[in-house]
Amino acid sequence: MIPHYIGNKSLNGSKKHYKAQDRATFLTLILQMSLYTDQYLISTFELGRQVSFK
């Protein structure tokens, strides 16, 4: 579910607006990836704990 924003032009064609929008999308993408990584690590830890305590 990675948004395809690289190479897309902004609607008004302004370079400044495009850079700001691009950066905001990039930060959102990083945030989503870090949240996903945290969930993955937590679920892996829980799974390992369940297996080791059986």
Protein backbone atom coordinates (compact mmCIF):
# COMPACT_ATOMS: atom_id res chain seq x y z
CA MET A 1 0.00 0.00 0.00
CA ILE A 2 2.74 2.48 -0.93
CA PRO A 3 1.31 5.55 -2.64
CA HIS A 4 2.82 6.19 -6.07
CA TYR A 5 3.62 9.87 -5.84
CA ILE A 6 7.13 10.03 -7.33
CA GLY A 7 7.05 11.77 -10.68
CA ASN A 8 3.45 12.97 -10.33
CA LYS A 9 2.89 16.65 -11.06
CA SER A 10 0.83 18.74 -8.68
CA LEU A 11 -2.50 20.04 -9.96
CA ASN A 12 -1.51 23.72 -10.17
CA GLY A 13 1.92 22.95 -11.62
CA SER A 14 3.74 25.12 -9.08
CA LYS A 15 7.23 23.85 -8.21
CA LYS A 16 7.06 25.16 -4.65
CA HIS A 17 3.69 23.55 -3.99
CA TYR A 18 4.91 20.31 -5.58
CA LYS A 19 7.96 20.17 -3.33
CA ALA A 20 5.91 20.83 -0.20
CA GLN A 21 3.31 18.23 -1.17
CA ASP A 22 6.04 15.73 -2.08
CA ARG A 23 7.77 16.24 1.26
CA ALA A 24 4.51 15.88 3.20
CA THR A 25 3.70 12.64 1.36
CA PHE A 26 7.23 11.39 2.02
CA LEU A 27 6.95 12.12 5.76
CA THR A 28 3.56 10.41 5.87
CA LEU A 29 5.06 7.40 4.10
CA ILE A 30 7.93 7.23 6.63
CA LEU A 31 5.46 7.51 9.51
CA GLN A 32 3.29 4.72 8.10
CA MET A 33 6.34 2.50 7.57
CA SER A 34 7.63 3.06 11.12
CA LEU A 35 4.17 2.34 12.58
CA TYR A 36 3.95 -0.83 10.49
CA THR A 37 7.44 -1.89 11.60
CA ASP A 38 6.52 -1.33 15.27
CA GLN A 39 3.38 -3.45 14.89
CA TYR A 40 5.39 -6.17 13.14
CA LEU A 41 8.04 -6.23 15.88
CA ILE A 42 5.41 -6.29 18.64
CA SER A 43 3.45 -9.13 17.00
CA THR A 44 6.69 -11.09 16.43
CA PHE A 45 7.65 -10.59 20.07
CA GLU A 46 4.21 -11.75 21.25
CA LEU A 47 4.42 -14.81 19.02
CA GLY A 48 7.87 -15.67 20.33
CA ARG A 49 6.71 -15.23 23.91
CA GLN A 50 3.72 -17.53 23.38
CA VAL A 51 5.93 -20.20 21.80
CA SER A 52 8.62 -20.03 24.48
CA PHE A 53 6.17 -20.24 27.41
CA LYS A 54 4.20 -23.25 26.11
